[in-house]
Amino acid sequence: MAFTAAVLALLLSALAAAASAQLDVKFYSQSCPSVEDVVRKEMVRALAAAPSLAGPLLRMHFHDCFVRGCDGSVLLDSTAGNTAEKDAKPNLTLRGFGFIERVKAAVEKACPDTVSCADVLALMARDAVWLSKGPFWAVPLGRRDGRVSISNETDQLPPPSGNFTELTQLFAAKNLDAKDLVVLSAGHTIGTSHCFSFSDRLYNFTGMDNARDTDPALDPLYMARLRAKCPSLDDNTTLVEMDPGSFKTFDLSYYGHVARRRGLFHSDGALLTDPFTRAYVLRHAGGAHGEEFFADFAASMVKMGSVEMLTGTQGEIRKKCSVVN
């Protein structure tokens, strides 16, 4: 076990180091060597008090990287003349903005005007996974913060209602492939979702407007449980665990649910409609290949974290994540 753990650690380190010639896991080794310790201290404190925050922080990084790359644009507030990403419909359920500002303030205190919000968010997402008993990986750093955030650009985000074709096209636009899709979807192993994100699977699925008009791809027993929790299409407040029974632990149980047709979203069920992603789901559904999946997830996170990033003299280093300097 010690040998395999050591091999895994070496693999993750190598993947991170090779992720991008423009990012570097040692980027702040001279200018802010304490940055990871500062971020982790805040994360440990926050997740000890509110472990359910891990999922939203991972989701925040995902939503940031899919729009304009990993540039912190999802963190910017709207202005009088512009509606920002955070106020677009797909992002209205994001949470953790205030906590991200708190972590950024701690980093600013340690190293003023040095570390971008985009890098802080990437570190927080990694620690959210690791502190939820998931994999640890070295995060390539050196991103710069963008100055632009436009609500309409959130149509690049893979929707929970997406079918396999739509999902793979959106991932491919970010140089992410089918393996990245099936691997990163397992981020749904931590966190919760509002009923309205999937309630069309429970009611009026095809527009027949009767009680039996449900998604046939969803397991009937699971369907009944979801309908008991989400009593109507109009439920905008109820939260449901995305990975029932272990939604605070990063593990392989997500794939077990998907394999039994109990993935919460259309996008989860869509993984069973393609031979490659279906095979991946079934391989990991039994939980026997945890180290392999952890290595895959780390590699895909590093890959996603390198999407269309700003580096060098591009963008800026924001003092506050919600506003440009």
C-alpha atoms as a PDB file:
ATOM      1  CA  MET A   1       0.000   0.000   0.000  1.00  0.00           C
ATOM      2  CA  ALA A   2       2.839   2.394   0.865  1.00  0.00           C
ATOM      3  CA  PHE A   3       4.479   1.656  -2.485  1.00  0.00           C
ATOM      4  CA  THR A   4       1.304   2.334  -4.484  1.00  0.00           C
ATOM      5  CA  ALA A   5       0.699   5.530  -2.524  1.00  0.00           C
ATOM      6  CA  ALA A   6       4.217   6.695  -3.299  1.00  0.00           C
ATOM      7  CA  VAL A   7       3.779   5.878  -6.984  1.00  0.00           C
ATOM      8  CA  LEU A   8       0.465   7.781  -7.003  1.00  0.00           C
ATOM      9  CA  ALA A   9       2.086  10.813  -5.377  1.00  0.00           C
ATOM     10  CA  LEU A  10       4.865  10.820  -7.943  1.00  0.00           C
ATOM     11  CA  LEU A  11       2.346  10.487 -10.776  1.00  0.00           C
ATOM     12  CA  LEU A  12       0.249  13.385  -9.543  1.00  0.00           C
ATOM     13  CA  SER A  13       3.319  15.561  -9.107  1.00  0.00           C
ATOM     14  CA  ALA A  14       4.513  14.745 -12.624  1.00  0.00           C
ATOM     15  CA  LEU A  15       1.096  15.451 -14.110  1.00  0.00           C
ATOM     16  CA  ALA A  16       0.921  18.792 -12.365  1.00  0.00           C
ATOM     17  CA  ALA A  17       4.424  19.817 -13.358  1.00  0.00           C
ATOM     18  CA  ALA A  18       3.736  18.985 -17.002  1.00  0.00           C
ATOM     19  CA  ALA A  19       0.304  20.598 -17.121  1.00  0.00           C
ATOM     20  CA  SER A  20       1.410  23.776 -18.788  1.00  0.00           C
ATOM     21  CA  ALA A  21       4.665  25.411 -19.691  1.00  0.00           C
ATOM     22  CA  GLN A  22       3.122  28.707 -18.585  1.00  0.00           C
ATOM     23  CA  LEU A  23       2.039  27.588 -15.114  1.00  0.00           C
ATOM     24  CA  ASP A  24       4.367  26.290 -12.418  1.00  0.00           C
ATOM     25  CA  VAL A  25       3.664  24.532  -9.125  1.00  0.00           C
ATOM     26  CA  LYS A  26       6.525  26.624  -7.647  1.00  0.00           C
ATOM     27  CA  PHE A  27       5.381  29.917  -9.132  1.00  0.00           C
ATOM     28  CA  TYR A  28       5.151  31.629  -5.720  1.00  0.00           C
ATOM     29  CA  SER A  29       8.143  29.901  -4.111  1.00  0.00           C
ATOM     30  CA  GLN A  30       9.980  33.221  -3.828  1.00  0.00           C
ATOM     31  CA  SER A  31       7.230  35.847  -3.929  1.00  0.00           C
ATOM     32  CA  CYS A  32       4.731  34.151  -1.587  1.00  0.00           C
ATOM     33  CA  PRO A  33       6.016  30.816  -0.234  1.00  0.00           C
ATOM     34  CA  SER A  34       3.289  30.673   2.435  1.00  0.00           C
ATOM     35  CA  VAL A  35       0.321  30.941   0.070  1.00  0.00           C
ATOM     36  CA  GLU A  36      -0.732  27.282   0.220  1.00  0.00           C
ATOM     37  CA  ASP A  37      -0.434  27.213   4.012  1.00  0.00           C
ATOM     38  CA  VAL A  38      -2.533  30.381   4.302  1.00  0.00           C
ATOM     39  CA  VAL A  39      -5.257  29.000   2.028  1.00  0.00           C
ATOM     40  CA  ARG A  40      -5.288  25.605   3.731  1.00  0.00           C
ATOM     41  CA  LYS A  41      -5.546  27.090   7.215  1.00  0.00           C
ATOM     42  CA  GLU A  42      -8.675  28.972   6.180  1.00  0.00           C
ATOM     43  CA  MET A  43     -10.085  25.917   4.397  1.00  0.00           C
ATOM     44  CA  VAL A  44      -9.542  23.609   7.369  1.00  0.00           C
ATOM     45  CA  ARG A  45     -11.279  26.071   9.663  1.00  0.00           C
ATOM     46  CA  ALA A  46     -14.220  26.626   7.312  1.00  0.00           C
ATOM     47  CA  LEU A  47     -14.863  22.983   6.377  1.00  0.00           C
ATOM     48  CA  ALA A  48     -14.639  21.894   9.998  1.00  0.00           C
ATOM     49  CA  ALA A  49     -17.573  24.213  10.687  1.00  0.00           C
ATOM     50  CA  ALA A  50     -19.410  23.745   7.361  1.00  0.00           C
ATOM     51  CA  PRO A  51     -18.264  20.617   5.458  1.00  0.00           C
ATOM     52  CA  SER A  52     -21.050  21.107   2.924  1.00  0.00           C
ATOM     53  CA  LEU A  53     -19.091  24.088   1.544  1.00  0.00           C
ATOM     54  CA  ALA A  54     -16.589  21.777  -0.198  1.00  0.00           C
ATOM     55  CA  GLY A  55     -18.892  20.954  -3.121  1.00  0.00           C
ATOM     56  CA  PRO A  56     -19.759  24.587  -3.905  1.00  0.00           C
ATOM     57  CA  LEU A  57     -16.088  25.613  -3.898  1.00  0.00           C
ATOM     58  CA  LEU A  58     -15.196  22.830  -6.323  1.00  0.00           C
ATOM     59  CA  ARG A  59     -18.149  23.841  -8.499  1.00  0.00           C
ATOM     60  CA  MET A  60     -17.054  27.489  -8.397  1.00  0.00           C
ATOM     61  CA  HIS A  61     -13.657  26.611  -9.891  1.00  0.00           C
ATOM     62  CA  PHE A  62     -15.357  24.533 -12.600  1.00  0.00           C
ATOM     63  CA  HIS A  63     -17.728  27.375 -13.500  1.00  0.00           C
ATOM     64  CA  ASP A  64     -14.839  29.821 -13.558  1.00  0.00           C
ATOM     65  CA  CYS A  65     -12.682  27.736 -15.913  1.00  0.00           C
ATOM     66  CA  PHE A  66     -15.437  27.081 -18.468  1.00  0.00           C
ATOM     67  CA  VAL A  67     -16.044  30.779 -19.099  1.00  0.00           C
ATOM     68  CA  ARG A  68     -13.035  32.819 -20.274  1.00  0.00           C
ATOM     69  CA  GLY A  69     -10.741  30.217 -18.754  1.00  0.00           C
ATOM     70  CA  CYS A  70      -9.602  30.084 -15.135  1.00  0.00           C
ATOM     71  CA  ASP A  71      -9.358  33.855 -14.650  1.00  0.00           C
ATOM     72  CA  GLY A  72     -11.577  34.515 -11.637  1.00  0.00           C
ATOM     73  CA  SER A  73     -14.228  36.150 -13.840  1.00  0.00           C
ATOM     74  CA  VAL A  74     -17.022  34.260 -12.051  1.00  0.00           C
ATOM     75  CA  LEU A  75     -16.117  36.163  -8.878  1.00  0.00           C
ATOM     76  CA  LEU A  76     -16.677  39.663 -10.300  1.00  0.00           C
ATOM     77  CA  ASP A  77     -19.760  41.642  -9.294  1.00  0.00           C
ATOM     78  CA  SER A  78     -22.148  43.119 -11.825  1.00  0.00           C
ATOM     79  CA  THR A  79     -21.906  46.846 -12.467  1.00  0.00           C
ATOM     80  CA  ALA A  80     -24.415  49.495 -13.560  1.00  0.00           C
ATOM     81  CA  GLY A  81     -23.556  48.838 -17.193  1.00  0.00           C
ATOM     82  CA  ASN A  82     -22.893  45.092 -17.149  1.00  0.00           C
ATOM     83  CA  THR A  83     -24.432  41.905 -15.793  1.00  0.00           C
ATOM     84  CA  ALA A  84     -21.612  39.624 -14.668  1.00  0.00           C
ATOM     85  CA  GLU A  85     -21.347  35.825 -14.818  1.00  0.00           C
ATOM     86  CA  LYS A  86     -22.322  35.361 -11.177  1.00  0.00           C
ATOM     87  CA  ASP A  87     -25.757  36.861 -11.904  1.00  0.00           C
ATOM     88  CA  ALA A  88     -26.479  34.637 -14.917  1.00  0.00           C
ATOM     89  CA  LYS A  89     -29.040  31.883 -14.394  1.00  0.00           C
ATOM     90  CA  PRO A  90     -26.557  28.942 -14.285  1.00  0.00           C
ATOM     91  CA  ASN A  91     -24.628  30.677 -11.498  1.00  0.00           C
ATOM     92  CA  LEU A  92     -27.429  31.908  -9.272  1.00  0.00           C
ATOM     93  CA  THR A  93     -27.029  28.861  -7.021  1.00  0.00           C
ATOM     94  CA  LEU A  94     -23.268  29.284  -6.591  1.00  0.00           C
ATOM     95  CA  ARG A  95     -22.232  29.985  -3.036  1.00  0.00           C
ATOM     96  CA  GLY A  96     -19.039  30.681  -1.148  1.00  0.00           C
ATOM     97  CA  PHE A  97     -18.253  34.119  -2.588  1.00  0.00           C
ATOM     98  CA  GLY A  98     -17.896  35.708   0.847  1.00  0.00           C
ATOM     99  CA  PHE A  99     -15.599  32.958   2.060  1.00  0.00           C
ATOM    100  CA  ILE A 100     -13.417  33.283  -1.043  1.00  0.00           C
ATOM    101  CA  GLU A 101     -13.025  36.991  -0.266  1.00  0.00           C
ATOM    102  CA  ARG A 102     -11.998  36.078   3.285  1.00  0.00           C
ATOM    103  CA  VAL A 103      -9.325  33.689   2.034  1.00  0.00           C
ATOM    104  CA  LYS A 104      -8.111  36.255  -0.507  1.00  0.00           C
ATOM    105  CA  ALA A 105      -7.853  38.870   2.277  1.00  0.00           C
ATOM    106  CA  ALA A 106      -5.702  36.467   4.314  1.00  0.00           C
ATOM    107  CA  VAL A 107      -3.469  35.889   1.294  1.00  0.00           C
ATOM    108  CA  GLU A 108      -3.247  39.649   0.688  1.00  0.00           C
ATOM    109  CA  LYS A 109      -2.180  40.169   4.298  1.00  0.00           C
ATOM    110  CA  ALA A 110       0.616  37.627   3.865  1.00  0.00           C
ATOM    111  CA  CYS A 111       1.668  38.687   0.349  1.00  0.00           C
ATOM    112  CA  PRO A 112       0.136  41.958  -0.909  1.00  0.00           C
ATOM    113  CA  ASP A 113      -0.561  42.316  -4.635  1.00  0.00           C
ATOM    114  CA  THR A 114       1.021  38.962  -5.475  1.00  0.00           C
ATOM    115  CA  VAL A 115      -1.458  36.064  -5.759  1.00  0.00           C
ATOM    116  CA  SER A 116      -4.398  36.144  -8.167  1.00  0.00           C
ATOM    117  CA  CYS A 117      -7.956  35.324  -7.209  1.00  0.00           C
ATOM    118  CA  ALA A 118      -7.889  32.671  -9.944  1.00  0.00           C
ATOM    119  CA  ASP A 119      -4.970  30.911  -8.228  1.00  0.00           C
ATOM    120  CA  VAL A 120      -6.592  31.229  -4.805  1.00  0.00           C
ATOM    121  CA  LEU A 121      -9.738  29.599  -6.189  1.00  0.00           C
ATOM    122  CA  ALA A 122      -7.731  26.772  -7.801  1.00  0.00           C
ATOM    123  CA  LEU A 123      -6.020  26.058  -4.472  1.00  0.00           C
ATOM    124  CA  MET A 124      -9.319  26.184  -2.598  1.00  0.00           C
ATOM    125  CA  ALA A 125     -10.903  23.705  -5.025  1.00  0.00           C
ATOM    126  CA  ARG A 126      -7.988  21.284  -4.560  1.00  0.00           C
ATOM    127  CA  ASP A 127      -8.173  21.579  -0.776  1.00  0.00           C
ATOM    128  CA  ALA A 128     -11.962  21.163  -0.867  1.00  0.00           C
ATOM    129  CA  VAL A 129     -11.464  17.781  -2.527  1.00  0.00           C
ATOM    130  CA  TRP A 130      -8.533  16.721  -0.354  1.00  0.00           C
ATOM    131  CA  LEU A 131     -10.222  17.718   2.920  1.00  0.00           C
ATOM    132  CA  SER A 132     -13.257  15.669   1.789  1.00  0.00           C
ATOM    133  CA  LYS A 133     -10.968  12.590   1.696  1.00  0.00           C
ATOM    134  CA  GLY A 134     -10.283  12.880  -2.021  1.00  0.00           C
ATOM    135  CA  PRO A 135      -6.961  13.075  -3.874  1.00  0.00           C
ATOM    136  CA  PHE A 136      -4.263  15.664  -3.344  1.00  0.00           C
ATOM    137  CA  TRP A 137      -2.392  17.131  -6.312  1.00  0.00           C
ATOM    138  CA  ALA A 138       0.173  19.848  -6.889  1.00  0.00           C
ATOM    139  CA  VAL A 139      -1.632  22.860  -8.381  1.00  0.00           C
ATOM    140  CA  PRO A 140       0.197  24.661 -11.219  1.00  0.00           C
ATOM    141  CA  LEU A 141       0.053  28.386 -10.437  1.00  0.00           C
ATOM    142  CA  GLY A 142       0.668  31.681 -12.149  1.00  0.00           C
ATOM    143  CA  ARG A 143      -2.795  32.581 -13.459  1.00  0.00           C
ATOM    144  CA  ARG A 144      -3.761  36.224 -13.737  1.00  0.00           C
ATOM    145  CA  ASP A 145      -7.200  37.677 -13.064  1.00  0.00           C
ATOM    146  CA  GLY A 146      -9.431  38.795 -15.908  1.00  0.00           C
ATOM    147  CA  ARG A 147     -11.145  42.171 -16.011  1.00  0.00           C
ATOM    148  CA  VAL A 148     -14.218  41.051 -17.988  1.00  0.00           C
ATOM    149  CA  SER A 149     -17.262  39.070 -16.823  1.00  0.00           C
ATOM    150  CA  ILE A 150     -20.338  38.802 -19.070  1.00  0.00           C
ATOM    151  CA  SER A 151     -23.481  36.920 -18.081  1.00  0.00           C
ATOM    152  CA  ASN A 152     -24.352  35.774 -21.620  1.00  0.00           C
ATOM    153  CA  GLU A 153     -21.072  33.886 -21.893  1.00  0.00           C
ATOM    154  CA  THR A 154     -22.252  31.330 -19.340  1.00  0.00           C
ATOM    155  CA  ASP A 155     -23.867  29.434 -22.226  1.00  0.00           C
ATOM    156  CA  GLN A 156     -20.460  27.725 -22.415  1.00  0.00           C
ATOM    157  CA  LEU A 157     -21.193  25.931 -19.125  1.00  0.00           C
ATOM    158  CA  PRO A 158     -22.223  22.264 -19.492  1.00  0.00           C
ATOM    159  CA  PRO A 159     -25.839  22.204 -18.253  1.00  0.00           C
ATOM    160  CA  PRO A 160     -27.239  19.529 -15.913  1.00  0.00           C
ATOM    161  CA  SER A 161     -29.848  18.872 -18.629  1.00  0.00           C
ATOM    162  CA  GLY A 162     -27.242  18.169 -21.311  1.00  0.00           C
ATOM    163  CA  ASN A 163     -27.150  15.002 -23.406  1.00  0.00           C
ATOM    164  CA  PHE A 164     -23.889  13.267 -24.296  1.00  0.00           C
ATOM    165  CA  THR A 165     -23.422  15.055 -27.625  1.00  0.00           C
ATOM    166  CA  GLU A 166     -23.964  18.487 -26.105  1.00  0.00           C
ATOM    167  CA  LEU A 167     -21.685  17.750 -23.169  1.00  0.00           C
ATOM    168  CA  THR A 168     -18.811  16.436 -25.273  1.00  0.00           C
ATOM    169  CA  GLN A 169     -19.036  19.417 -27.612  1.00  0.00           C
ATOM    170  CA  LEU A 170     -18.848  21.879 -24.710  1.00  0.00           C
ATOM    171  CA  PHE A 171     -15.926  19.979 -23.183  1.00  0.00           C
ATOM    172  CA  ALA A 172     -14.125  19.735 -26.522  1.00  0.00           C
ATOM    173  CA  ALA A 173     -14.369  23.505 -26.894  1.00  0.00           C
ATOM    174  CA  LYS A 174     -12.134  23.672 -23.807  1.00  0.00           C
ATOM    175  CA  ASN A 175      -9.758  20.956 -25.065  1.00  0.00           C
ATOM    176  CA  LEU A 176     -11.268  18.448 -22.654  1.00  0.00           C
ATOM    177  CA  ASP A 177     -12.205  14.973 -23.891  1.00  0.00           C
ATOM    178  CA  ALA A 178     -14.701  12.236 -23.028  1.00  0.00           C
ATOM    179  CA  LYS A 179     -12.465  10.896 -20.273  1.00  0.00           C
ATOM    180  CA  ASP A 180     -12.314  14.337 -18.678  1.00  0.00           C
ATOM    181  CA  LEU A 181     -16.110  14.472 -18.891  1.00  0.00           C
ATOM    182  CA  VAL A 182     -16.693  11.162 -17.107  1.00  0.00           C
ATOM    183  CA  VAL A 183     -13.946  11.859 -14.563  1.00  0.00           C
ATOM    184  CA  LEU A 184     -14.900  15.445 -13.704  1.00  0.00           C
ATOM    185  CA  SER A 185     -18.592  14.503 -13.491  1.00  0.00           C
ATOM    186  CA  ALA A 186     -17.618  12.596 -10.356  1.00  0.00           C
ATOM    187  CA  GLY A 187     -17.232  15.963  -8.670  1.00  0.00           C
ATOM    188  CA  HIS A 188     -20.935  15.360  -8.003  1.00  0.00           C
ATOM    189  CA  THR A 189     -19.828  12.973  -5.253  1.00  0.00           C
ATOM    190  CA  ILE A 190     -19.762  15.996  -2.895  1.00  0.00           C
ATOM    191  CA  GLY A 191     -22.411  18.641  -2.470  1.00  0.00           C
ATOM    192  CA  THR A 192     -26.104  19.210  -3.026  1.00  0.00           C
ATOM    193  CA  SER A 193     -28.409  20.510  -5.745  1.00  0.00           C
ATOM    194  CA  HIS A 194     -31.664  22.425  -5.834  1.00  0.00           C
ATOM    195  CA  CYS A 195     -34.711  20.496  -7.022  1.00  0.00           C
ATOM    196  CA  PHE A 196     -35.264  22.764  -9.995  1.00  0.00           C
ATOM    197  CA  SER A 197     -32.009  21.565 -11.557  1.00  0.00           C
ATOM    198  CA  PHE A 198     -33.493  18.128 -12.196  1.00  0.00           C
ATOM    199  CA  SER A 199     -37.236  18.303 -11.418  1.00  0.00           C
ATOM    200  CA  ASP A 200     -38.144  18.113 -15.109  1.00  0.00           C
ATOM    201  CA  ARG A 201     -37.098  14.453 -14.852  1.00  0.00           C
ATOM    202  CA  LEU A 202     -39.768  13.975 -12.173  1.00  0.00           C
ATOM    203  CA  TYR A 203     -42.707  15.929 -13.599  1.00  0.00           C
ATOM    204  CA  ASN A 204     -43.991  16.705 -17.084  1.00  0.00           C
ATOM    205  CA  PHE A 205     -40.905  15.187 -18.722  1.00  0.00           C
ATOM    206  CA  THR A 206     -42.304  15.243 -22.262  1.00  0.00           C
ATOM    207  CA  GLY A 207     -45.058  17.800 -21.755  1.00  0.00           C
ATOM    208  CA  MET A 208     -47.881  15.269 -21.258  1.00  0.00           C
ATOM    209  CA  ASP A 209     -48.791  16.987 -17.983  1.00  0.00           C
ATOM    210  CA  ASN A 210     -49.694  13.898 -15.992  1.00  0.00           C
ATOM    211  CA  ALA A 211     -48.248  12.153 -12.950  1.00  0.00           C
ATOM    212  CA  ARG A 212     -46.656   9.354 -14.986  1.00  0.00           C
ATOM    213  CA  ASP A 213     -44.764  11.689 -17.328  1.00  0.00           C
ATOM    214  CA  THR A 214     -41.321  10.998 -15.881  1.00  0.00           C
ATOM    215  CA  ASP A 215     -37.853  10.311 -17.266  1.00  0.00           C
ATOM    216  CA  PRO A 216     -37.674   6.579 -18.118  1.00  0.00           C
ATOM    217  CA  ALA A 217     -33.871   6.677 -17.803  1.00  0.00           C
ATOM    218  CA  LEU A 218     -34.176   7.233 -14.041  1.00  0.00           C
ATOM    219  CA  ASP A 219     -34.565   4.277 -11.662  1.00  0.00           C
ATOM    220  CA  PRO A 220     -38.228   4.172 -10.508  1.00  0.00           C
ATOM    221  CA  LEU A 221     -37.410   3.725  -6.822  1.00  0.00           C
ATOM    222  CA  TYR A 222     -34.995   6.635  -6.885  1.00  0.00           C
ATOM    223  CA  MET A 223     -37.590   8.617  -8.808  1.00  0.00           C
ATOM    224  CA  ALA A 224     -40.110   8.062  -6.011  1.00  0.00           C
ATOM    225  CA  ARG A 225     -37.634   9.241  -3.376  1.00  0.00           C
ATOM    226  CA  LEU A 226     -36.846  12.369  -5.335  1.00  0.00           C
ATOM    227  CA  ARG A 227     -40.520  13.167  -5.877  1.00  0.00           C
ATOM    228  CA  ALA A 228     -41.061  12.875  -2.121  1.00  0.00           C
ATOM    229  CA  LYS A 229     -38.327  15.462  -1.554  1.00  0.00           C
ATOM    230  CA  CYS A 230     -39.237  17.709  -4.498  1.00  0.00           C
ATOM    231  CA  PRO A 231     -43.049  17.929  -4.514  1.00  0.00           C
ATOM    232  CA  SER A 232     -43.415  20.049  -7.655  1.00  0.00           C
ATOM    233  CA  LEU A 233     -41.716  21.733 -10.591  1.00  0.00           C
ATOM    234  CA  ASP A 234     -42.014  25.003  -8.673  1.00  0.00           C
ATOM    235  CA  ASP A 235     -39.775  23.968  -5.750  1.00  0.00           C
ATOM    236  CA  ASN A 236     -36.960  26.552  -5.743  1.00  0.00           C
ATOM    237  CA  THR A 237     -35.610  26.013  -2.232  1.00  0.00           C
ATOM    238  CA  THR A 238     -35.196  22.314  -1.395  1.00  0.00           C
ATOM    239  CA  LEU A 239     -31.692  20.871  -1.559  1.00  0.00           C
ATOM    240  CA  VAL A 240     -30.985  17.228  -2.407  1.00  0.00           C
ATOM    241  CA  GLU A 241     -27.753  15.287  -1.918  1.00  0.00           C
ATOM    242  CA  MET A 242     -26.087  14.593  -5.270  1.00  0.00           C
ATOM    243  CA  ASP A 243     -24.421  11.468  -3.829  1.00  0.00           C
ATOM    244  CA  PRO A 244     -26.949  10.118  -1.300  1.00  0.00           C
ATOM    245  CA  GLY A 245     -25.352   8.774   1.855  1.00  0.00           C
ATOM    246  CA  SER A 246     -21.862  10.230   1.352  1.00  0.00           C
ATOM    247  CA  PHE A 247     -22.306  13.728  -0.056  1.00  0.00           C
ATOM    248  CA  LYS A 248     -19.611  15.102   2.274  1.00  0.00           C
ATOM    249  CA  THR A 249     -17.026  12.488   1.266  1.00  0.00           C
ATOM    250  CA  PHE A 250     -15.139  12.430  -2.017  1.00  0.00           C
ATOM    251  CA  ASP A 251     -15.344   8.773  -3.065  1.00  0.00           C
ATOM    252  CA  LEU A 252     -16.397   6.371  -5.830  1.00  0.00           C
ATOM    253  CA  SER A 253     -20.010   5.964  -4.730  1.00  0.00           C
ATOM    254  CA  TYR A 254     -21.107   8.464  -7.401  1.00  0.00           C
ATOM    255  CA  TYR A 255     -20.332   5.885 -10.093  1.00  0.00           C
ATOM    256  CA  GLY A 256     -22.303   3.245  -8.214  1.00  0.00           C
ATOM    257  CA  HIS A 257     -25.356   5.494  -8.285  1.00  0.00           C
ATOM    258  CA  VAL A 258     -24.944   6.306 -11.985  1.00  0.00           C
ATOM    259  CA  ALA A 259     -24.533   2.616 -12.844  1.00  0.00           C
ATOM    260  CA  ARG A 260     -27.873   1.895 -11.123  1.00  0.00           C
ATOM    261  CA  ARG A 261     -29.543   4.728 -13.095  1.00  0.00           C
ATOM    262  CA  ARG A 262     -29.586   6.909 -10.004  1.00  0.00           C
ATOM    263  CA  GLY A 263     -27.493   9.804 -11.266  1.00  0.00           C
ATOM    264  CA  LEU A 264     -29.318  12.960 -10.254  1.00  0.00           C
ATOM    265  CA  PHE A 265     -28.978  14.942 -13.490  1.00  0.00           C
ATOM    266  CA  HIS A 266     -29.564  14.249 -17.176  1.00  0.00           C
ATOM    267  CA  SER A 267     -25.835  14.793 -17.575  1.00  0.00           C
ATOM    268  CA  ASP A 268     -25.088  11.984 -15.106  1.00  0.00           C
ATOM    269  CA  GLY A 269     -27.372   9.555 -16.904  1.00  0.00           C
ATOM    270  CA  ALA A 270     -25.859  10.603 -20.236  1.00  0.00           C
ATOM    271  CA  LEU A 271     -22.607   8.904 -19.204  1.00  0.00           C
ATOM    272  CA  LEU A 272     -24.337   5.551 -19.737  1.00  0.00           C
ATOM    273  CA  THR A 273     -25.243   6.351 -23.357  1.00  0.00           C
ATOM    274  CA  ASP A 274     -21.682   6.234 -24.731  1.00  0.00           C
ATOM    275  CA  PRO A 275     -19.597   3.014 -24.775  1.00  0.00           C
ATOM    276  CA  PHE A 276     -16.409   4.619 -23.429  1.00  0.00           C
ATOM    277  CA  THR A 277     -17.933   6.607 -20.578  1.00  0.00           C
ATOM    278  CA  ARG A 278     -20.303   3.755 -19.713  1.00  0.00           C
ATOM    279  CA  ALA A 279     -17.340   1.377 -19.402  1.00  0.00           C
ATOM    280  CA  TYR A 280     -15.559   3.874 -17.145  1.00  0.00           C
ATOM    281  CA  VAL A 281     -18.626   4.222 -14.927  1.00  0.00           C
ATOM    282  CA  LEU A 282     -19.049   0.447 -14.626  1.00  0.00           C
ATOM    283  CA  ARG A 283     -15.345  -0.102 -13.917  1.00  0.00           C
ATOM    284  CA  HIS A 284     -15.460   2.253 -10.958  1.00  0.00           C
ATOM    285  CA  ALA A 285     -18.986   1.507  -9.749  1.00  0.00           C
ATOM    286  CA  GLY A 286     -17.753  -1.237  -7.427  1.00  0.00           C
ATOM    287  CA  GLY A 287     -15.176   0.989  -5.758  1.00  0.00           C
ATOM    288  CA  ALA A 288     -12.235  -1.359  -6.343  1.00  0.00           C
ATOM    289  CA  HIS A 289     -10.036   1.075  -8.267  1.00  0.00           C
ATOM    290  CA  GLY A 290      -9.936   4.097  -5.999  1.00  0.00           C
ATOM    291  CA  GLU A 291      -6.288   5.025  -6.526  1.00  0.00           C
ATOM    292  CA  GLU A 292      -6.732   4.858 -10.302  1.00  0.00           C
ATOM    293  CA  PHE A 293      -9.744   7.159 -10.175  1.00  0.00           C
ATOM    294  CA  PHE A 294      -8.023   9.581  -7.797  1.00  0.00           C
ATOM    295  CA  ALA A 295      -5.097   9.845 -10.226  1.00  0.00           C
ATOM    296  CA  ASP A 296      -7.506  10.375 -13.135  1.00  0.00           C
ATOM    297  CA  PHE A 297      -9.410  13.078 -11.261  1.00  0.00           C
ATOM    298  CA  ALA A 298      -6.224  14.906 -10.313  1.00  0.00           C
ATOM    299  CA  ALA A 299      -5.003  14.815 -13.929  1.00  0.00           C
ATOM    300  CA  SER A 300      -8.316  16.142 -15.280  1.00  0.00           C
ATOM    301  CA  MET A 301      -8.418  18.909 -12.675  1.00  0.00           C
ATOM    302  CA  VAL A 302      -4.920  20.030 -13.636  1.00  0.00           C
ATOM    303  CA  LYS A 303      -5.945  19.924 -17.298  1.00  0.00           C
ATOM    304  CA  MET A 304      -9.123  21.910 -16.682  1.00  0.00           C
ATOM    305  CA  GLY A 305      -7.212  24.375 -14.518  1.00  0.00           C
ATOM    306  CA  SER A 306      -5.008  25.220 -17.498  1.00  0.00           C
ATOM    307  CA  VAL A 307      -7.874  26.162 -19.820  1.00  0.00           C
ATOM    308  CA  GLU A 308      -7.432  29.518 -21.589  1.00  0.00           C
ATOM    309  CA  MET A 309      -5.664  31.028 -18.588  1.00  0.00           C
ATOM    310  CA  LEU A 310      -4.154  34.494 -18.491  1.00  0.00           C
ATOM    311  CA  THR A 311      -0.453  34.646 -17.612  1.00  0.00           C
ATOM    312  CA  GLY A 312       2.523  37.001 -17.644  1.00  0.00           C
ATOM    313  CA  THR A 313       1.418  40.595 -18.068  1.00  0.00           C
ATOM    314  CA  GLN A 314      -2.150  39.704 -19.102  1.00  0.00           C
ATOM    315  CA  GLY A 315      -5.004  40.684 -16.816  1.00  0.00           C
ATOM    316  CA  GLU A 316      -4.170  41.777 -13.286  1.00  0.00           C
ATOM    317  CA  ILE A 317      -3.785  40.665  -9.674  1.00  0.00           C
ATOM    318  CA  ARG A 318      -7.006  41.808  -8.002  1.00  0.00           C
ATOM    319  CA  LYS A 319      -6.867  43.013  -4.428  1.00  0.00           C
ATOM    320  CA  LYS A 320     -10.525  42.028  -3.977  1.00  0.00           C
ATOM    321  CA  CYS A 321     -11.997  39.201  -6.032  1.00  0.00           C
ATOM    322  CA  SER A 322     -15.358  40.876  -6.592  1.00  0.00           C
ATOM    323  CA  VAL A 323     -14.073  44.047  -8.294  1.00  0.00           C
ATOM    324  CA  VAL A 324     -11.357  44.965 -10.759  1.00  0.00           C
ATOM    325  CA  ASN A 325      -8.540  47.130  -9.440  1.00  0.00           C
END
